[in-house]
Amino acid sequence: WQLTRGLESENPITELASPRPDFNGALIQFL
């Protein structure tokens, strides 16, 4: 639920940063 925190600021969330690349692929599908 914190995905949009800071979205309108100069420092929004740009990407996922999991410890494994396949976890990033899973997380974007989860979200």
All heavy atoms as atom14 arrays in JSON, in Angstrom:
{
  "sequence": "WQLTRGLESENPITELASPRPDFNGALIQFL",
  "atom14_mask": [
    [1, 1, 1, 1, 1, 1, 1, 1, 1, 1, 1, 1, 1, 1],
    [1, 1, 1, 1, 1, 1, 1, 1, 1, 0, 0, 0, 0, 0],
    [1, 1, 1, 1, 1, 1, 1, 1, 0, 0, 0, 0, 0, 0],
    [1, 1, 1, 1, 1, 1, 1, 0, 0, 0, 0, 0, 0, 0],
    [1, 1, 1, 1, 1, 1, 1, 1, 1, 1, 1, 0, 0, 0],
    [1, 1, 1, 1, 0, 0, 0, 0, 0, 0, 0, 0, 0, 0],
    [1, 1, 1, 1, 1, 1, 1, 1, 0, 0, 0, 0, 0, 0],
    [1, 1, 1, 1, 1, 1, 1, 1, 1, 0, 0, 0, 0, 0],
    [1, 1, 1, 1, 1, 1, 0, 0, 0, 0, 0, 0, 0, 0],
    [1, 1, 1, 1, 1, 1, 1, 1, 1, 0, 0, 0, 0, 0],
    [1, 1, 1, 1, 1, 1, 1, 1, 0, 0, 0, 0, 0, 0],
    [1, 1, 1, 1, 1, 1, 1, 0, 0, 0, 0, 0, 0, 0],
    [1, 1, 1, 1, 1, 1, 1, 1, 0, 0, 0, 0, 0, 0],
    [1, 1, 1, 1, 1, 1, 1, 0, 0, 0, 0, 0, 0, 0],
    [1, 1, 1, 1, 1, 1, 1, 1, 1, 0, 0, 0, 0, 0],
    [1, 1, 1, 1, 1, 1, 1, 1, 0, 0, 0, 0, 0, 0],
    [1, 1, 1, 1, 1, 0, 0, 0, 0, 0, 0, 0, 0, 0],
    [1, 1, 1, 1, 1, 1, 0, 0, 0, 0, 0, 0, 0, 0],
    [1, 1, 1, 1, 1, 1, 1, 0, 0, 0, 0, 0, 0, 0],
    [1, 1, 1, 1, 1, 1, 1, 1, 1, 1, 1, 0, 0, 0],
    [1, 1, 1, 1, 1, 1, 1, 0, 0, 0, 0, 0, 0, 0],
    [1, 1, 1, 1, 1, 1, 1, 1, 0, 0, 0, 0, 0, 0],
    [1, 1, 1, 1, 1, 1, 1, 1, 1, 1, 1, 0, 0, 0],
    [1, 1, 1, 1, 1, 1, 1, 1, 0, 0, 0, 0, 0, 0],
    [1, 1, 1, 1, 0, 0, 0, 0, 0, 0, 0, 0, 0, 0],
    [1, 1, 1, 1, 1, 0, 0, 0, 0, 0, 0, 0, 0, 0],
    [1, 1, 1, 1, 1, 1, 1, 1, 0, 0, 0, 0, 0, 0],
    [1, 1, 1, 1, 1, 1, 1, 1, 0, 0, 0, 0, 0, 0],
    [1, 1, 1, 1, 1, 1, 1, 1, 1, 0, 0, 0, 0, 0],
    [1, 1, 1, 1, 1, 1, 1, 1, 1, 1, 1, 0, 0, 0],
    [1, 1, 1, 1, 1, 1, 1, 1, 0, 0, 0, 0, 0, 0]
  ],
  "atom14_positions": [
    [[0.81, -1.23, 0.0], [0.0, 0.0, 0.0], [0.85, 1.28, 0.0], [0.31, 2.38, -0.21], [-0.97, 0.01, 1.19], [-0.33, -0.08, 2.54], [-0.05, -1.21, 3.23], [0.09, 1.01, 3.37], [0.53, -0.9, 4.44], [0.62, 0.46, 4.56], [0.06, 2.4, 3.23], [1.12, 1.24, 5.58], [0.56, 3.2, 4.26], [1.08, 2.61, 5.42]],
    [[2.15, 1.14, 0.16], [3.03, 2.31, 0.14], [3.64, 2.57, -1.24], [4.55, 3.38, -1.38], [4.16, 2.1, 1.17], [3.65, 2.0, 2.61], [4.72, 1.58, 3.59], [5.61, 0.79, 3.26], [4.64, 2.09, 4.81], [0.0, 0.0, 0.0], [0.0, 0.0, 0.0], [0.0, 0.0, 0.0], [0.0, 0.0, 0.0], [0.0, 0.0, 0.0]],
    [[3.13, 1.92, -2.27], [3.68, 2.05, -3.62], [3.72, 3.48, -4.13], [4.63, 3.85, -4.87], [2.85, 1.19, -4.59], [3.11, -0.3, -4.58], [2.0, -1.05, -5.31], [4.46, -0.61, -5.22], [0.0, 0.0, 0.0], [0.0, 0.0, 0.0], [0.0, 0.0, 0.0], [0.0, 0.0, 0.0], [0.0, 0.0, 0.0], [0.0, 0.0, 0.0]],
    [[2.72, 4.27, -3.78], [2.65, 5.64, -4.31], [3.22, 6.68, -3.35], [3.11, 7.87, -3.6], [1.2, 6.0, -4.65], [0.38, 5.82, -3.48], [0.67, 5.13, -5.78], [0.0, 0.0, 0.0], [0.0, 0.0, 0.0], [0.0, 0.0, 0.0], [0.0, 0.0, 0.0], [0.0, 0.0, 0.0], [0.0, 0.0, 0.0], [0.0, 0.0, 0.0]],
    [[3.83, 6.24, -2.27], [4.43, 7.19, -1.32], [5.58, 7.92, -1.99], [6.54, 7.32, -2.45], [4.91, 6.44, -0.08], [5.37, 7.37, 1.05], [5.66, 6.58, 2.31], [6.78, 5.67, 2.12], [7.17, 4.77, 3.03], [6.5, 4.65, 4.17], [8.21, 4.0, 2.79], [0.0, 0.0, 0.0], [0.0, 0.0, 0.0], [0.0, 0.0, 0.0]],
    [[5.48, 9.24, -2.07], [6.52, 10.05, -2.7], [6.42, 10.11, -4.21], [7.34, 10.61, -4.87], [0.0, 0.0, 0.0], [0.0, 0.0, 0.0], [0.0, 0.0, 0.0], [0.0, 0.0, 0.0], [0.0, 0.0, 0.0], [0.0, 0.0, 0.0], [0.0, 0.0, 0.0], [0.0, 0.0, 0.0], [0.0, 0.0, 0.0], [0.0, 0.0, 0.0]],
    [[5.31, 9.63, -4.78], [5.19, 9.6, -6.24], [5.24, 10.99, -6.85], [5.8, 11.19, -7.94], [3.88, 8.9, -6.64], [3.63, 8.72, -8.15], [4.74, 7.88, -8.78], [2.27, 8.08, -8.38], [0.0, 0.0, 0.0], [0.0, 0.0, 0.0], [0.0, 0.0, 0.0], [0.0, 0.0, 0.0], [0.0, 0.0, 0.0], [0.0, 0.0, 0.0]],
    [[4.68, 11.97, -6.16], [4.66, 13.35, -6.68], [5.9, 14.14, -6.29], [6.03, 15.31, -6.66], [3.4, 14.08, -6.18], [2.09, 13.37, -6.5], [1.89, 13.21, -8.0], [2.33, 14.09, -8.76], [1.3, 12.19, -8.42], [0.0, 0.0, 0.0], [0.0, 0.0, 0.0], [0.0, 0.0, 0.0], [0.0, 0.0, 0.0], [0.0, 0.0, 0.0]],
    [[6.81, 13.52, -5.56], [8.02, 14.21, -5.14], [9.1, 14.08, -6.22], [8.86, 13.53, -7.3], [8.54, 13.6, -3.84], [9.06, 12.29, -4.06], [0.0, 0.0, 0.0], [0.0, 0.0, 0.0], [0.0, 0.0, 0.0], [0.0, 0.0, 0.0], [0.0, 0.0, 0.0], [0.0, 0.0, 0.0], [0.0, 0.0, 0.0], [0.0, 0.0, 0.0]],
    [[10.29, 14.56, -5.92], [11.4, 14.45, -6.85], [12.12, 13.11, -6.73], [13.09, 12.85, -7.45], [12.4, 15.59, -6.61], [11.83, 16.98, -6.9], [12.85, 18.07, -6.7], [13.98, 17.75, -6.25], [12.54, 19.25, -6.98], [0.0, 0.0, 0.0], [0.0, 0.0, 0.0], [0.0, 0.0, 0.0], [0.0, 0.0, 0.0], [0.0, 0.0, 0.0]],
    [[11.64, 12.27, -5.82], [12.33, 11.0, -5.59], [11.33, 9.84, -5.47], [11.25, 9.16, -4.44], [13.17, 11.1, -4.31], [14.2, 10.0, -4.2], [14.65, 9.44, -5.2], [14.57, 9.66, -2.98], [0.0, 0.0, 0.0], [0.0, 0.0, 0.0], [0.0, 0.0, 0.0], [0.0, 0.0, 0.0], [0.0, 0.0, 0.0], [0.0, 0.0, 0.0]],
    [[10.57, 9.58, -6.54], [9.57, 8.5, -6.49], [10.22, 7.12, -6.6], [11.4, 6.99, -6.93], [8.71, 8.79, -7.72], [9.66, 9.44, -8.68], [10.57, 10.27, -7.82], [0.0, 0.0, 0.0], [0.0, 0.0, 0.0], [0.0, 0.0, 0.0], [0.0, 0.0, 0.0], [0.0, 0.0, 0.0], [0.0, 0.0, 0.0], [0.0, 0.0, 0.0]],
    [[9.43, 6.09, -6.34], [9.88, 4.71, -6.51], [9.93, 4.4, -8.0], [8.95, 4.57, -8.72], [8.93, 3.73, -5.81], [8.89, 4.01, -4.31], [9.35, 2.29, -6.08], [7.81, 3.23, -3.57], [0.0, 0.0, 0.0], [0.0, 0.0, 0.0], [0.0, 0.0, 0.0], [0.0, 0.0, 0.0], [0.0, 0.0, 0.0], [0.0, 0.0, 0.0]],
    [[11.08, 3.95, -8.47], [11.25, 3.67, -9.89], [11.18, 2.2, -10.24], [10.71, 1.83, -11.32], [12.58, 4.25, -10.4], [13.65, 3.72, -9.6], [12.59, 5.76, -10.33], [0.0, 0.0, 0.0], [0.0, 0.0, 0.0], [0.0, 0.0, 0.0], [0.0, 0.0, 0.0], [0.0, 0.0, 0.0], [0.0, 0.0, 0.0], [0.0, 0.0, 0.0]],
    [[11.67, 1.32, -9.34], [11.74, -0.09, -9.71], [11.84, -0.97, -8.48], [12.06, -0.5, -7.36], [12.92, -0.34, -10.63], [14.27, 0.03, -10.02], [15.39, -0.07, -11.03], [15.25, -0.81, -12.01], [16.43, 0.61, -10.83], [0.0, 0.0, 0.0], [0.0, 0.0, 0.0], [0.0, 0.0, 0.0], [0.0, 0.0, 0.0], [0.0, 0.0, 0.0]],
    [[11.68, -2.25, -8.71], [11.85, -3.25, -7.66], [13.34, -3.53, -7.47], [14.13, -3.34, -8.39], [11.11, -4.53, -8.03], [9.58, -4.38, -8.1], [8.95, -5.52, -8.89], [8.99, -4.31, -6.69], [0.0, 0.0, 0.0], [0.0, 0.0, 0.0], [0.0, 0.0, 0.0], [0.0, 0.0, 0.0], [0.0, 0.0, 0.0], [0.0, 0.0, 0.0]],
    [[13.7, -3.99, -6.3], [15.13, -4.21, -6.0], [15.32, -5.49, -5.2], [15.94, -5.5, -4.13], [15.68, -3.01, -5.23], [0.0, 0.0, 0.0], [0.0, 0.0, 0.0], [0.0, 0.0, 0.0], [0.0, 0.0, 0.0], [0.0, 0.0, 0.0], [0.0, 0.0, 0.0], [0.0, 0.0, 0.0], [0.0, 0.0, 0.0], [0.0, 0.0, 0.0]],
    [[14.81, -6.58, -5.71], [14.9, -7.87, -5.02], [16.33, -8.41, -5.08], [17.13, -8.01, -5.93], [13.95, -8.88, -5.67], [12.63, -8.41, -5.6], [0.0, 0.0, 0.0], [0.0, 0.0, 0.0], [0.0, 0.0, 0.0], [0.0, 0.0, 0.0], [0.0, 0.0, 0.0], [0.0, 0.0, 0.0], [0.0, 0.0, 0.0], [0.0, 0.0, 0.0]],
    [[16.66, -9.37, -4.23], [18.0, -9.96, -4.24], [18.25, -10.87, -5.43], [19.39, -11.22, -5.71], [18.05, -10.76, -2.93], [16.62, -11.08, -2.62], [15.85, -9.89, -3.09], [0.0, 0.0, 0.0], [0.0, 0.0, 0.0], [0.0, 0.0, 0.0], [0.0, 0.0, 0.0], [0.0, 0.0, 0.0], [0.0, 0.0, 0.0], [0.0, 0.0, 0.0]],
    [[17.19, -11.25, -6.16], [17.33, -12.09, -7.35], [16.48, -11.51, -8.47], [15.38, -10.99, -8.23], [16.83, -13.52, -7.05], [17.69, -14.32, -6.09], [16.97, -15.59, -5.63], [16.42, -16.38, -6.73], [16.85, -17.59, -7.07], [17.87, -18.14, -6.41], [16.28, -18.26, -8.05], [0.0, 0.0, 0.0], [0.0, 0.0, 0.0], [0.0, 0.0, 0.0]],
    [[16.94, -11.58, -9.71], [16.17, -11.02, -10.83], [14.84, -11.73, -11.05], [13.86, -11.09, -11.43], [17.1, -11.19, -12.03], [18.08, -12.24, -11.64], [18.25, -12.1, -10.17], [0.0, 0.0, 0.0], [0.0, 0.0, 0.0], [0.0, 0.0, 0.0], [0.0, 0.0, 0.0], [0.0, 0.0, 0.0], [0.0, 0.0, 0.0], [0.0, 0.0, 0.0]],
    [[14.78, -13.04, -10.8], [13.5, -13.73, -10.99], [12.49, -13.32, -9.92], [11.27, -13.32, -10.18], [13.69, -15.26, -10.99], [14.36, -15.79, -9.74], [15.05, -15.02, -9.04], [14.22, -17.0, -9.46], [0.0, 0.0, 0.0], [0.0, 0.0, 0.0], [0.0, 0.0, 0.0], [0.0, 0.0, 0.0], [0.0, 0.0, 0.0], [0.0, 0.0, 0.0]],
    [[12.97, -12.91, -8.75], [12.06, -12.4, -7.73], [11.44, -11.07, -8.18], [10.28, -10.79, -7.9], [12.78, -12.21, -6.4], [13.02, -13.49, -5.63], [12.68, -14.72, -6.16], [13.59, -13.45, -4.36], [12.89, -15.91, -5.45], [13.8, -14.63, -3.64], [13.46, -15.85, -4.18], [0.0, 0.0, 0.0], [0.0, 0.0, 0.0], [0.0, 0.0, 0.0]],
    [[12.22, -10.23, -8.87], [11.65, -9.0, -9.41], [10.54, -9.31, -10.4], [9.49, -8.66, -10.41], [12.74, -8.17, -10.11], [13.61, -7.41, -9.15], [13.21, -7.11, -8.03], [14.82, -7.09, -9.58], [0.0, 0.0, 0.0], [0.0, 0.0, 0.0], [0.0, 0.0, 0.0], [0.0, 0.0, 0.0], [0.0, 0.0, 0.0], [0.0, 0.0, 0.0]],
    [[10.77, -10.32, -11.25], [9.75, -10.72, -12.21], [8.5, -11.22, -11.53], [7.37, -10.96, -11.97], [0.0, 0.0, 0.0], [0.0, 0.0, 0.0], [0.0, 0.0, 0.0], [0.0, 0.0, 0.0], [0.0, 0.0, 0.0], [0.0, 0.0, 0.0], [0.0, 0.0, 0.0], [0.0, 0.0, 0.0], [0.0, 0.0, 0.0], [0.0, 0.0, 0.0]],
    [[8.67, -11.97, -10.44], [7.53, -12.47, -9.69], [6.8, -11.33, -8.98], [5.56, -11.26, -8.98], [7.98, -13.52, -8.68], [0.0, 0.0, 0.0], [0.0, 0.0, 0.0], [0.0, 0.0, 0.0], [0.0, 0.0, 0.0], [0.0, 0.0, 0.0], [0.0, 0.0, 0.0], [0.0, 0.0, 0.0], [0.0, 0.0, 0.0], [0.0, 0.0, 0.0]],
    [[7.56, -10.41, -8.39], [6.94, -9.33, -7.62], [6.11, -8.39, -8.49], [5.05, -7.93, -8.06], [8.02, -8.53, -6.87], [8.46, -9.08, -5.53], [9.55, -8.2, -4.92], [7.28, -9.2, -4.56], [0.0, 0.0, 0.0], [0.0, 0.0, 0.0], [0.0, 0.0, 0.0], [0.0, 0.0, 0.0], [0.0, 0.0, 0.0], [0.0, 0.0, 0.0]],
    [[6.58, -8.08, -9.69], [5.79, -7.18, -10.52], [4.47, -7.85, -10.9], [3.42, -7.19, -10.98], [6.58, -6.72, -11.77], [5.84, -5.56, -12.47], [6.81, -7.84, -12.75], [5.68, -4.32, -11.64], [0.0, 0.0, 0.0], [0.0, 0.0, 0.0], [0.0, 0.0, 0.0], [0.0, 0.0, 0.0], [0.0, 0.0, 0.0], [0.0, 0.0, 0.0]],
    [[4.49, -9.17, -11.11], [3.25, -9.88, -11.39], [2.36, -9.95, -10.15], [1.13, -9.85, -10.26], [3.55, -11.29, -11.91], [4.25, -11.29, -13.26], [4.55, -12.7, -13.74], [3.68, -13.38, -14.27], [5.8, -13.13, -13.55], [0.0, 0.0, 0.0], [0.0, 0.0, 0.0], [0.0, 0.0, 0.0], [0.0, 0.0, 0.0], [0.0, 0.0, 0.0]],
    [[2.97, -10.1, -8.99], [2.22, -10.08, -7.73], [1.5, -8.75, -7.57], [0.3, -8.7, -7.25], [3.17, -10.32, -6.57], [2.55, -10.15, -5.2], [1.99, -11.23, -4.54], [2.52, -8.91, -4.59], [1.42, -11.08, -3.29], [1.94, -8.74, -3.34], [1.39, -9.82, -2.68], [0.0, 0.0, 0.0], [0.0, 0.0, 0.0], [0.0, 0.0, 0.0]],
    [[2.2, -7.65, -7.8], [1.62, -6.32, -7.6], [0.55, -6.01, -8.64], [-0.49, -5.42, -8.31], [2.73, -5.27, -7.63], [3.71, -5.33, -6.45], [4.89, -4.41, -6.69], [3.02, -5.01, -5.14], [0.0, 0.0, 0.0], [0.0, 0.0, 0.0], [0.0, 0.0, 0.0], [0.0, 0.0, 0.0], [0.0, 0.0, 0.0], [0.0, 0.0, 0.0]]
  ]
}
